[in-house]
Amino acid sequence: MALHSQQRVGDAPYQSLANDPHEDEEISLADGDLSVHIASVAEKKRLWWRNALINMVFIAAWFIFATVLSVYNKWMFSPDYYGFPFPLLVTTMHMFVQFLLAAFLRYVFPSKFRPDRNPGSSDYARKVTPTGIATGLDIGLSNLSLKMITLSFYTMVKSSSLVFVLLFAFMFKLEVFSLRLVGVIALIVCGVLLMVATETHFVLVGFLLVLSGSALGGLRWSLTQLLLKNKNMGLDNPAATLFWLAPIMGVTLAIVSFFADRWSDLLDSPFFGGAGATAKTCFFLTAPGTLAFFMVMSEYYILQRAGVVPMSIAGIAKEVTTISVSSWFFGDQLSPLNITGAAVTVCGICLFTYHKYRRSMDSTVPLDAHGNPIGSDEVLDGEDGLQSRTGSMEEMQPLAELPTEPRHSAEQRVFSVDPADGDVLFDMSVDDADAKSMTSQYVREEAQTESWLLLSQQTLGGVETVPRAW
């Protein structure tokens, strides 16, 4: 790697290339002659707003499909309308419809939705299967609890899922630990509790079911984000992820439904009383699967672009919107305590957005000659962007405080795996067989990372720093 500054990563001390620490600095990489510069504040604002608008499109699509599906389910399961009494069976059918639609996309648009790699049997068993089981149990246990507790009590307990989401995000290093972030999440959870607070009867079994579903929900979203980030298994697009996950989710839900929905009564019900009734019921069972498919695809795109914590908070915003619209148009009564809770929740969401914005502005973002972020997954939202590699200014610490270790070249480090960096079961490192097939592309990416770190160090005025969470 050749740098215009005539300095190599590993030389100490580092000297700034410019007198003004905020001035754009440029380097040239020998392989590819790629011009790289640090984004200015104006450029970071432009990127932040561009990504925010794209994310809002996916969130709006998620809101629309989820709302339509909720209305359909209310019609499907309500005794006053169609009155189908097997909700888990319906969700099971939706999973297999989603699998078929994902397979259709992979077949018709292979260049877009069919990656070159597929998960091996070991990866599928250790990484994909637990994610699918956690998803199926989250949906199954949550729906099963609604047979024992009221909707208000369910929503109150389910709001704890945001806490589990944050906990697992810290555990899997999807989010950098911050007391400010913990405080904002606690404020949002308190607001949700106040928003749905009402007098209700406590049922221990129902409480344990929905709490277990909340914990599994936090786990499954973190595991899904890990899958979406894993290019080595070919799960780096939502259609591919759904294609491999949907069968496991469907089988898991089918097992729960078998014990909860009493399948023995299914064929004797009037819904399958004749050829016409059977065809009608099958249509109503499978047609909403298309809505569920687009809803889940929107969720996965949000998860891939923004991360698990912002997506979960977007879900809270959806609940606030639903409650507000119901109160405004349908005359649902809200107590002063409920209104206060909604206001607190909105304030918490605004504070979270500001927190992510400040982190994005404080981060070091390398841009190419055309002003685009370097790399395929550097999104300026503080979740999957460069900040997860370099950290923000407030999260950096001097290298002198850490034990000194000999530096290795990019070619050596790209094949090394530190077992302490992640969980063995869900480690994002590649398998041994994949490591042997790595090409020089990975070496170049690692070399670019060293250049970005050099630029970050020079921006800080010559103090060599490393991120806490790297």
Protein backbone atom coordinates (compact mmCIF):
# COMPACT_ATOMS: atom_id res chain seq x y z
CA MET A 1 0.00 0.00 0.00
CA ALA A 2 1.36 3.42 -0.98
CA LEU A 3 0.27 6.56 0.82
CA HIS A 4 0.83 10.13 -0.37
CA SER A 5 1.85 11.02 3.17
CA GLN A 6 4.79 8.57 2.96
CA GLN A 7 3.65 7.00 6.25
CA ARG A 8 2.66 3.41 6.88
CA VAL A 9 0.16 2.07 9.38
CA GLY A 10 2.26 1.03 12.34
CA ASP A 11 4.63 4.02 12.26
CA ALA A 12 4.64 6.09 15.44
CA PRO A 13 4.10 8.82 16.20
CA TYR A 14 1.50 9.80 13.61
CA GLN A 15 1.59 13.32 12.23
CA SER A 16 -1.37 15.20 10.83
CA LEU A 17 -1.21 15.88 7.09
CA ALA A 18 -3.02 19.20 7.40
CA ASN A 19 -2.87 22.09 9.78
CA ASP A 20 -6.64 22.21 10.01
CA PRO A 21 -7.92 18.96 11.61
CA HIS A 22 -11.29 19.42 9.91
CA GLU A 23 -9.82 19.80 6.42
CA ASP A 24 -10.42 16.92 4.04
CA GLU A 25 -7.40 14.65 3.74
CA GLU A 26 -6.78 12.45 0.73
CA ILE A 27 -4.77 9.31 0.17
CA SER A 28 -4.31 7.09 -2.83
CA LEU A 29 -4.38 3.31 -2.63
CA ALA A 30 -1.89 1.61 -4.90
CA ASP A 31 -4.24 -1.23 -5.85
CA GLY A 32 -6.96 0.32 -7.94
CA ASP A 33 -5.63 3.90 -7.52
CA LEU A 34 -8.68 4.70 -5.40
CA SER A 35 -8.89 8.26 -4.10
CA VAL A 36 -10.17 8.39 -0.52
CA HIS A 37 -10.95 11.37 1.66
CA ILE A 38 -12.56 11.95 5.03
CA ALA A 39 -16.13 13.24 4.80
CA SER A 40 -16.73 16.80 5.92
CA VAL A 41 -19.61 17.69 8.22
CA ALA A 42 -21.69 18.83 5.24
CA GLU A 43 -21.05 15.56 3.41
CA LYS A 44 -21.95 13.51 6.50
CA LYS A 45 -25.20 15.46 6.87
CA ARG A 46 -26.02 14.79 3.22
CA LEU A 47 -25.36 11.07 3.63
CA TRP A 48 -27.33 10.92 6.88
CA TRP A 49 -30.41 12.52 5.35
CA ARG A 50 -30.17 10.35 2.23
CA ASN A 51 -30.07 7.17 4.28
CA ALA A 52 -32.77 8.47 6.62
CA LEU A 53 -35.13 9.05 3.69
CA ILE A 54 -34.44 5.59 2.23
CA ASN A 55 -35.02 4.01 5.64
CA MET A 56 -38.27 5.96 6.00
CA VAL A 57 -39.51 4.47 2.72
CA PHE A 58 -38.95 0.94 4.04
CA ILE A 59 -40.49 1.85 7.41
CA ALA A 60 -43.55 3.30 5.67
CA ALA A 61 -43.89 0.11 3.61
CA TRP A 62 -43.58 -1.93 6.80
CA PHE A 63 -46.29 0.17 8.48
CA ILE A 64 -48.66 -0.22 5.53
CA PHE A 65 -48.28 -3.98 5.11
CA ALA A 66 -48.42 -4.59 8.88
CA THR A 67 -51.57 -2.47 9.24
CA VAL A 68 -53.36 -4.20 6.35
CA LEU A 69 -52.35 -7.61 7.68
CA SER A 70 -53.59 -6.70 11.18
CA VAL A 71 -56.97 -5.64 9.80
CA TYR A 72 -57.17 -8.84 7.77
CA ASN A 73 -56.33 -10.98 10.79
CA LYS A 74 -58.98 -9.20 12.86
CA TRP A 75 -61.53 -10.05 10.19
CA MET A 76 -60.20 -13.61 9.85
CA PHE A 77 -60.26 -14.52 13.55
CA SER A 78 -63.12 -12.41 14.88
CA PRO A 79 -66.28 -14.45 15.69
CA ASP A 80 -68.33 -11.57 14.28
CA TYR A 81 -66.80 -12.02 10.82
CA TYR A 82 -65.10 -15.11 9.35
CA GLY A 83 -64.27 -16.57 12.76
CA PHE A 84 -61.45 -18.98 11.86
CA PRO A 85 -60.31 -20.37 15.25
CA PHE A 86 -56.76 -21.48 14.42
CA PRO A 87 -54.47 -18.41 14.32
CA LEU A 88 -51.19 -20.29 14.66
CA LEU A 89 -52.10 -22.55 11.74
CA VAL A 90 -52.70 -19.45 9.60
CA THR A 91 -49.28 -18.05 10.54
CA THR A 92 -47.70 -21.42 9.73
CA MET A 93 -49.21 -21.31 6.25
CA HIS A 94 -47.88 -17.77 5.82
CA MET A 95 -44.34 -19.01 6.46
CA PHE A 96 -44.49 -21.53 3.63
CA VAL A 97 -46.02 -18.93 1.30
CA GLN A 98 -43.10 -16.63 2.13
CA PHE A 99 -40.67 -19.45 1.34
CA LEU A 100 -42.27 -19.98 -2.09
CA LEU A 101 -42.23 -16.25 -2.89
CA ALA A 102 -38.59 -15.93 -1.83
CA ALA A 103 -37.73 -18.93 -4.03
CA PHE A 104 -39.60 -17.27 -6.91
CA LEU A 105 -37.53 -14.08 -6.54
CA ARG A 106 -34.31 -16.07 -6.43
CA TYR A 107 -35.29 -17.92 -9.60
CA VAL A 108 -36.57 -14.94 -11.62
CA PHE A 109 -33.98 -12.36 -10.49
CA PRO A 110 -30.86 -14.42 -9.68
CA SER A 111 -28.44 -11.52 -10.10
CA LYS A 112 -30.27 -9.53 -7.43
CA PHE A 113 -31.64 -12.09 -4.98
CA ARG A 114 -29.51 -15.21 -5.44
CA PRO A 115 -26.00 -14.83 -3.98
CA ASP A 116 -23.12 -16.92 -5.29
CA ARG A 117 -22.79 -18.79 -2.00
CA ASN A 118 -25.17 -20.92 0.02
CA PRO A 119 -24.86 -21.84 3.70
CA GLY A 120 -23.16 -25.18 4.28
CA SER A 121 -24.71 -27.88 6.41
CA SER A 122 -22.64 -26.85 9.43
CA ASP A 123 -23.54 -23.15 9.09
CA TYR A 124 -27.19 -24.00 8.51
CA ALA A 125 -27.34 -26.12 11.66
CA ARG A 126 -25.38 -23.76 13.91
CA LYS A 127 -26.48 -20.33 12.67
CA VAL A 128 -29.62 -20.48 10.53
CA THR A 129 -31.59 -23.11 12.46
CA PRO A 130 -31.40 -21.39 15.90
CA THR A 131 -32.54 -18.13 14.30
CA GLY A 132 -35.55 -19.81 12.68
CA ILE A 133 -36.49 -21.65 15.89
CA ALA A 134 -36.25 -18.44 17.95
CA THR A 135 -38.47 -16.65 15.42
CA GLY A 136 -41.07 -19.40 15.38
CA LEU A 137 -41.19 -19.64 19.17
CA ASP A 138 -41.44 -15.85 19.51
CA ILE A 139 -44.51 -15.76 17.26
CA GLY A 140 -46.02 -18.96 18.67
CA LEU A 141 -45.65 -18.16 22.38
CA SER A 142 -46.80 -14.56 21.91
CA ASN A 143 -49.96 -15.64 20.09
CA LEU A 144 -50.59 -18.42 22.60
CA SER A 145 -50.42 -15.96 25.50
CA LEU A 146 -53.27 -13.90 24.00
CA LYS A 147 -55.63 -16.76 24.84
CA MET A 148 -54.91 -16.20 28.55
CA ILE A 149 -54.32 -12.46 29.04
CA THR A 150 -55.85 -9.21 27.79
CA LEU A 151 -54.39 -7.27 24.89
CA SER A 152 -53.43 -4.35 27.16
CA PHE A 153 -51.53 -6.61 29.55
CA TYR A 154 -49.90 -8.34 26.57
CA THR A 155 -48.70 -5.00 25.17
CA MET A 156 -47.33 -3.92 28.55
CA VAL A 157 -45.23 -7.07 28.94
CA LYS A 158 -44.28 -7.19 25.25
CA SER A 159 -42.75 -3.72 25.56
CA SER A 160 -39.91 -5.39 27.47
CA SER A 161 -38.75 -6.81 24.14
CA LEU A 162 -36.92 -3.52 23.53
CA VAL A 163 -34.80 -4.21 26.63
CA PHE A 164 -33.95 -7.70 25.35
CA VAL A 165 -33.16 -6.28 21.91
CA LEU A 166 -30.65 -3.87 23.45
CA LEU A 167 -29.19 -6.59 25.68
CA PHE A 168 -28.56 -8.98 22.79
CA ALA A 169 -27.28 -6.13 20.59
CA PHE A 170 -24.62 -5.42 23.22
CA MET A 171 -23.91 -9.14 23.62
CA PHE A 172 -23.33 -9.72 19.90
CA LYS A 173 -21.51 -6.36 19.48
CA LEU A 174 -24.14 -5.01 17.10
CA GLU A 175 -24.32 -1.85 19.20
CA VAL A 176 -21.62 0.02 21.11
CA PHE A 177 -22.46 0.24 24.81
CA SER A 178 -23.47 3.73 25.89
CA LEU A 179 -25.12 4.88 29.11
CA ARG A 180 -26.91 7.55 27.11
CA LEU A 181 -28.43 4.88 24.86
CA VAL A 182 -29.47 2.77 27.86
CA GLY A 183 -31.18 5.82 29.38
CA VAL A 184 -33.06 6.60 26.16
CA ILE A 185 -34.27 2.99 25.84
CA ALA A 186 -35.40 3.00 29.49
CA LEU A 187 -37.36 6.22 28.83
CA ILE A 188 -39.11 4.67 25.82
CA VAL A 189 -40.01 1.51 27.76
CA CYS A 190 -41.46 3.59 30.61
CA GLY A 191 -43.49 5.59 28.11
CA VAL A 192 -44.93 2.43 26.55
CA LEU A 193 -45.87 1.07 29.97
CA LEU A 194 -47.72 4.28 30.80
CA MET A 195 -49.32 4.39 27.35
CA VAL A 196 -51.01 1.00 27.75
CA ALA A 197 -51.42 1.04 31.54
CA THR A 198 -54.83 -0.14 32.67
CA GLU A 199 -56.38 -2.24 35.36
CA THR A 200 -56.03 -5.87 34.36
CA HIS A 201 -56.05 -9.33 35.87
CA PHE A 202 -52.62 -10.89 36.32
CA VAL A 203 -52.26 -14.42 34.89
CA LEU A 204 -48.89 -16.00 35.70
CA VAL A 205 -48.83 -18.52 32.83
CA GLY A 206 -49.77 -15.90 30.26
CA PHE A 207 -47.20 -13.50 31.71
CA LEU A 208 -44.43 -16.11 31.44
CA LEU A 209 -45.42 -16.97 27.87
CA VAL A 210 -45.33 -13.40 26.61
CA LEU A 211 -42.13 -12.63 28.55
CA SER A 212 -40.47 -15.67 26.98
CA GLY A 213 -41.68 -14.47 23.59
CA SER A 214 -40.17 -11.04 24.26
CA ALA A 215 -36.79 -12.54 25.15
CA LEU A 216 -36.85 -14.77 22.07
CA GLY A 217 -37.86 -11.76 19.98
CA GLY A 218 -34.80 -9.82 21.10
CA LEU A 219 -32.62 -12.85 20.35
CA ARG A 220 -34.07 -13.59 16.93
CA TRP A 221 -33.71 -10.03 15.61
CA SER A 222 -30.06 -9.89 16.67
CA LEU A 223 -29.38 -13.28 15.09
CA THR A 224 -31.19 -12.22 11.92
CA GLN A 225 -29.04 -9.11 11.65
CA LEU A 226 -25.93 -11.28 12.01
CA LEU A 227 -27.16 -13.45 9.14
CA LEU A 228 -27.86 -10.42 6.95
CA LYS A 229 -24.29 -9.23 7.52
CA ASN A 230 -22.75 -12.59 6.59
CA LYS A 231 -21.76 -12.57 2.92
CA ASN A 232 -19.76 -15.78 3.29
CA MET A 233 -22.97 -17.80 3.74
CA GLY A 234 -24.85 -16.01 0.95
CA LEU A 235 -27.45 -14.50 3.31
CA ASP A 236 -26.64 -10.85 2.72
CA ASN A 237 -29.96 -9.99 1.06
CA PRO A 238 -33.44 -10.27 2.62
CA ALA A 239 -34.85 -12.68 0.02
CA ALA A 240 -31.99 -15.14 0.55
CA THR A 241 -32.32 -14.88 4.33
CA LEU A 242 -36.07 -15.47 4.20
CA PHE A 243 -35.62 -18.38 1.78
CA TRP A 244 -33.42 -20.26 4.26
CA LEU A 245 -35.26 -19.19 7.43
CA ALA A 246 -38.92 -19.63 6.43
CA PRO A 247 -39.00 -23.47 6.40
CA ILE A 248 -37.57 -23.67 9.92
CA MET A 249 -39.97 -21.00 11.16
CA GLY A 250 -42.87 -22.84 9.54
CA VAL A 251 -41.98 -26.21 11.07
CA THR A 252 -41.49 -24.65 14.53
CA LEU A 253 -44.85 -22.89 14.33
CA ALA A 254 -46.54 -26.06 13.07
CA ILE A 255 -45.36 -27.94 16.17
CA VAL A 256 -46.70 -25.23 18.48
CA SER A 257 -49.93 -25.02 16.49
CA PHE A 258 -50.43 -28.80 16.66
CA PHE A 259 -50.69 -28.65 20.45
CA ALA A 260 -52.46 -25.29 20.72
CA ASP A 261 -54.97 -25.32 17.84
CA ARG A 262 -56.41 -28.86 18.14
CA TRP A 263 -55.90 -30.01 14.56
CA SER A 264 -58.16 -32.99 15.24
CA ASP A 265 -61.14 -30.62 15.13
CA LEU A 266 -59.99 -28.93 11.94
CA LEU A 267 -61.38 -31.26 9.27
CA ASP A 268 -64.70 -31.63 11.09
CA SER A 269 -65.22 -27.85 11.18
CA PRO A 270 -67.57 -26.10 8.72
CA PHE A 271 -64.56 -24.43 7.11
CA PHE A 272 -63.81 -27.74 5.38
CA GLY A 273 -67.39 -28.93 4.99
CA GLY A 274 -67.27 -29.27 1.21
CA ALA A 275 -65.22 -28.59 -1.89
CA GLY A 276 -66.35 -24.97 -2.12
CA ALA A 277 -65.82 -24.25 1.58
CA THR A 278 -62.41 -25.95 1.50
CA ALA A 279 -61.25 -23.92 -1.51
CA LYS A 280 -62.47 -20.70 0.11
CA THR A 281 -60.72 -21.50 3.39
CA CYS A 282 -57.46 -22.43 1.65
CA PHE A 283 -57.55 -19.12 -0.23
CA PHE A 284 -58.06 -17.15 2.99
CA LEU A 285 -55.26 -19.13 4.63
CA THR A 286 -52.65 -18.49 1.93
CA ALA A 287 -53.53 -15.13 0.33
CA PRO A 288 -52.41 -13.03 3.33
CA GLY A 289 -49.04 -14.76 3.07
CA THR A 290 -48.22 -12.34 0.27
CA LEU A 291 -48.83 -9.39 2.61
CA ALA A 292 -46.73 -11.11 5.27
CA PHE A 293 -43.95 -11.65 2.72
CA PHE A 294 -43.71 -7.98 1.80
CA MET A 295 -43.95 -6.99 5.47
CA VAL A 296 -41.07 -9.30 6.44
CA MET A 297 -38.99 -8.18 3.45
CA SER A 298 -39.44 -4.57 4.60
CA GLU A 299 -38.41 -5.57 8.12
CA TYR A 300 -35.26 -7.27 6.84
CA TYR A 301 -34.28 -4.29 4.70
CA ILE A 302 -34.70 -2.00 7.71
CA LEU A 303 -32.69 -4.43 9.82
CA GLN A 304 -29.93 -4.61 7.22
CA ARG A 305 -29.68 -0.86 6.69
CA ALA A 306 -30.36 0.55 10.16
CA GLY A 307 -29.82 -2.26 12.68
CA VAL A 308 -31.83 -4.11 15.29
CA VAL A 309 -32.28 -1.29 17.82
CA PRO A 310 -33.58 1.36 15.36
CA MET A 311 -35.92 -1.21 13.81
CA SER A 312 -37.35 -2.10 17.22
CA ILE A 313 -37.88 1.57 18.04
CA ALA A 314 -39.59 2.00 14.67
CA GLY A 315 -41.95 -0.76 15.83
CA ILE A 316 -42.70 1.22 18.99
CA ALA A 317 -43.42 4.27 16.81
CA LYS A 318 -45.85 2.12 14.82
CA GLU A 319 -47.69 1.18 18.02
CA VAL A 320 -47.91 4.83 19.08
CA THR A 321 -49.29 5.73 15.66
CA THR A 322 -51.86 2.92 15.80
CA ILE A 323 -53.09 3.93 19.26
CA SER A 324 -53.27 7.61 18.29
CA VAL A 325 -55.17 6.90 15.06
CA SER A 326 -57.60 4.59 16.89
CA SER A 327 -58.27 7.31 19.45
CA TRP A 328 -58.72 10.00 16.81
CA PHE A 329 -60.90 8.16 14.28
CA PHE A 330 -62.62 5.43 16.28
CA GLY A 331 -63.13 7.25 19.55
CA ASP A 332 -61.06 4.89 21.72
CA GLN A 333 -60.84 6.39 25.19
CA LEU A 334 -57.36 7.25 26.51
CA SER A 335 -56.79 8.23 30.12
CA PRO A 336 -54.48 11.14 31.06
CA LEU A 337 -51.91 8.51 32.08
CA ASN A 338 -52.09 6.91 28.63
CA ILE A 339 -51.66 10.28 26.91
CA THR A 340 -48.67 11.07 29.14
CA GLY A 341 -47.13 7.72 28.24
CA ALA A 342 -47.55 8.40 24.52
CA ALA A 343 -45.87 11.80 24.93
CA VAL A 344 -42.97 10.28 26.89
CA THR A 345 -42.54 7.60 24.22
CA VAL A 346 -42.42 10.17 21.43
CA CYS A 347 -39.83 12.19 23.37
CA GLY A 348 -37.74 9.05 23.83
CA ILE A 349 -37.89 8.26 20.12
CA CYS A 350 -36.81 11.82 19.28
CA LEU A 351 -33.91 11.58 21.73
CA PHE A 352 -32.83 8.27 20.18
CA THR A 353 -32.88 9.80 16.70
CA TYR A 354 -30.78 12.72 17.91
CA HIS A 355 -28.36 10.29 19.62
CA LYS A 356 -27.83 8.39 16.36
CA TYR A 357 -27.47 11.67 14.44
CA ARG A 358 -24.76 12.96 16.78
CA ARG A 359 -22.89 9.65 16.59
CA SER A 360 -23.00 9.85 12.81
CA MET A 361 -21.68 13.41 12.82
CA ASP A 362 -18.84 12.46 15.21
CA SER A 363 -17.78 9.40 13.23
CA THR A 364 -15.00 9.26 10.64
CA VAL A 365 -16.40 8.35 7.23
CA PRO A 366 -14.13 7.69 4.22
CA LEU A 367 -15.54 8.67 0.83
CA ASP A 368 -14.39 7.80 -2.65
CA ALA A 369 -13.75 10.30 -5.41
CA HIS A 370 -17.49 10.44 -6.18
CA GLY A 371 -18.51 11.20 -2.59
CA ASN A 372 -19.86 7.72 -1.82
CA PRO A 373 -18.98 5.79 1.38
CA ILE A 374 -16.26 3.18 0.88
CA GLY A 375 -17.44 -0.42 1.09
CA SER A 376 -20.80 -2.13 0.62
CA ASP A 377 -22.07 -1.97 4.18
CA GLU A 378 -20.89 1.44 5.35
CA VAL A 379 -24.24 3.10 5.96
CA LEU A 380 -24.13 6.41 7.80
CA ASP A 381 -26.60 5.49 10.50
CA GLY A 382 -24.28 4.53 13.32
CA GLU A 383 -25.25 0.86 13.18
CA ASP A 384 -23.54 -0.92 10.29
CA GLY A 385 -21.45 1.91 8.98
CA LEU A 386 -17.81 2.74 9.48
CA GLN A 387 -18.57 3.87 13.00
CA SER A 388 -18.94 0.24 14.02
CA ARG A 389 -15.34 -0.18 12.90
CA THR A 390 -13.72 3.01 14.13
CA GLY A 391 -16.09 4.16 16.87
CA SER A 392 -17.10 7.74 17.56
CA MET A 393 -14.77 10.33 19.04
CA GLU A 394 -16.18 9.91 22.54
CA GLU A 395 -15.69 6.14 22.38
CA MET A 396 -11.97 6.19 21.50
CA GLN A 397 -9.14 5.61 23.96
CA PRO A 398 -5.37 6.10 23.62
CA LEU A 399 -3.42 3.09 22.52
CA ALA A 400 -0.95 3.72 25.35
CA GLU A 401 -3.57 2.53 27.84
CA LEU A 402 -3.70 -0.90 26.18
CA PRO A 403 -1.13 -3.72 26.27
CA THR A 404 1.21 -3.31 23.36
CA GLU A 405 1.22 -6.09 20.83
CA PRO A 406 3.27 -6.47 17.65
CA ARG A 407 1.43 -5.32 14.59
CA HIS A 408 0.87 -7.72 11.72
CA SER A 409 0.41 -7.02 8.09
CA ALA A 410 -3.01 -6.94 6.48
CA GLU A 411 -2.26 -10.24 4.75
CA GLN A 412 -1.61 -11.93 8.09
CA ARG A 413 -4.51 -10.42 10.02
CA VAL A 414 -7.17 -11.18 7.44
CA PHE A 415 -6.81 -14.91 8.07
CA SER A 416 -6.55 -14.72 11.85
CA VAL A 417 -9.53 -15.37 14.12
CA ASP A 418 -9.61 -14.32 17.73
CA PRO A 419 -11.93 -16.72 19.58
CA ALA A 420 -12.57 -14.08 22.22
CA ASP A 421 -14.09 -11.67 19.73
CA GLY A 422 -17.44 -13.39 19.45
CA ASP A 423 -19.63 -16.27 20.32
CA VAL A 424 -18.52 -19.61 18.92
CA LEU A 425 -22.01 -20.46 17.78
CA PHE A 426 -22.74 -17.18 16.02
CA ASP A 427 -19.24 -15.90 15.28
CA MET A 428 -19.20 -13.90 12.08
CA SER A 429 -15.84 -15.32 11.04
CA VAL A 430 -15.83 -17.76 8.15
CA ASP A 431 -15.37 -21.50 8.31
CA ASP A 432 -11.97 -23.05 7.72
CA ALA A 433 -12.99 -24.20 4.26
CA ASP A 434 -14.10 -20.68 3.34
CA ALA A 435 -10.88 -19.16 4.72
CA LYS A 436 -8.83 -21.29 2.34
CA SER A 437 -10.77 -19.91 -0.62
CA MET A 438 -10.35 -16.25 0.24
CA THR A 439 -8.91 -14.08 -2.53
CA SER A 440 -6.87 -10.92 -2.55
CA GLN A 441 -10.10 -8.91 -2.42
CA TYR A 442 -10.25 -9.44 1.33
CA VAL A 443 -6.62 -8.41 1.67
CA ARG A 444 -7.34 -5.18 -0.17
CA GLU A 445 -10.37 -4.48 2.04
CA GLU A 446 -8.24 -4.98 5.15
CA ALA A 447 -5.58 -2.71 3.71
CA GLN A 448 -8.23 -0.05 3.09
CA THR A 449 -9.33 -0.37 6.71
CA GLU A 450 -5.78 0.39 7.85
CA SER A 451 -5.79 3.49 5.68
CA TRP A 452 -9.09 4.64 7.16
CA LEU A 453 -7.69 4.16 10.65
CA LEU A 454 -4.65 6.22 9.69
CA LEU A 455 -6.89 9.03 8.46
CA SER A 456 -8.91 8.86 11.68
CA GLN A 457 -5.74 9.05 13.76
CA GLN A 458 -4.47 12.00 11.78
CA THR A 459 -7.82 13.77 12.18
CA LEU A 460 -7.46 13.43 15.95
CA GLY A 461 -4.25 15.44 15.81
CA GLY A 462 -1.55 12.79 15.88
CA VAL A 463 -2.84 10.73 18.85
CA GLU A 464 -2.91 7.04 18.01
CA THR A 465 -6.26 5.59 19.02
CA VAL A 466 -8.23 2.37 18.69
CA PRO A 467 -11.95 1.77 19.18
CA ARG A 468 -13.10 0.22 22.42
CA ALA A 469 -15.43 -2.29 20.80
CA TRP A 470 -13.29 -3.45 17.88
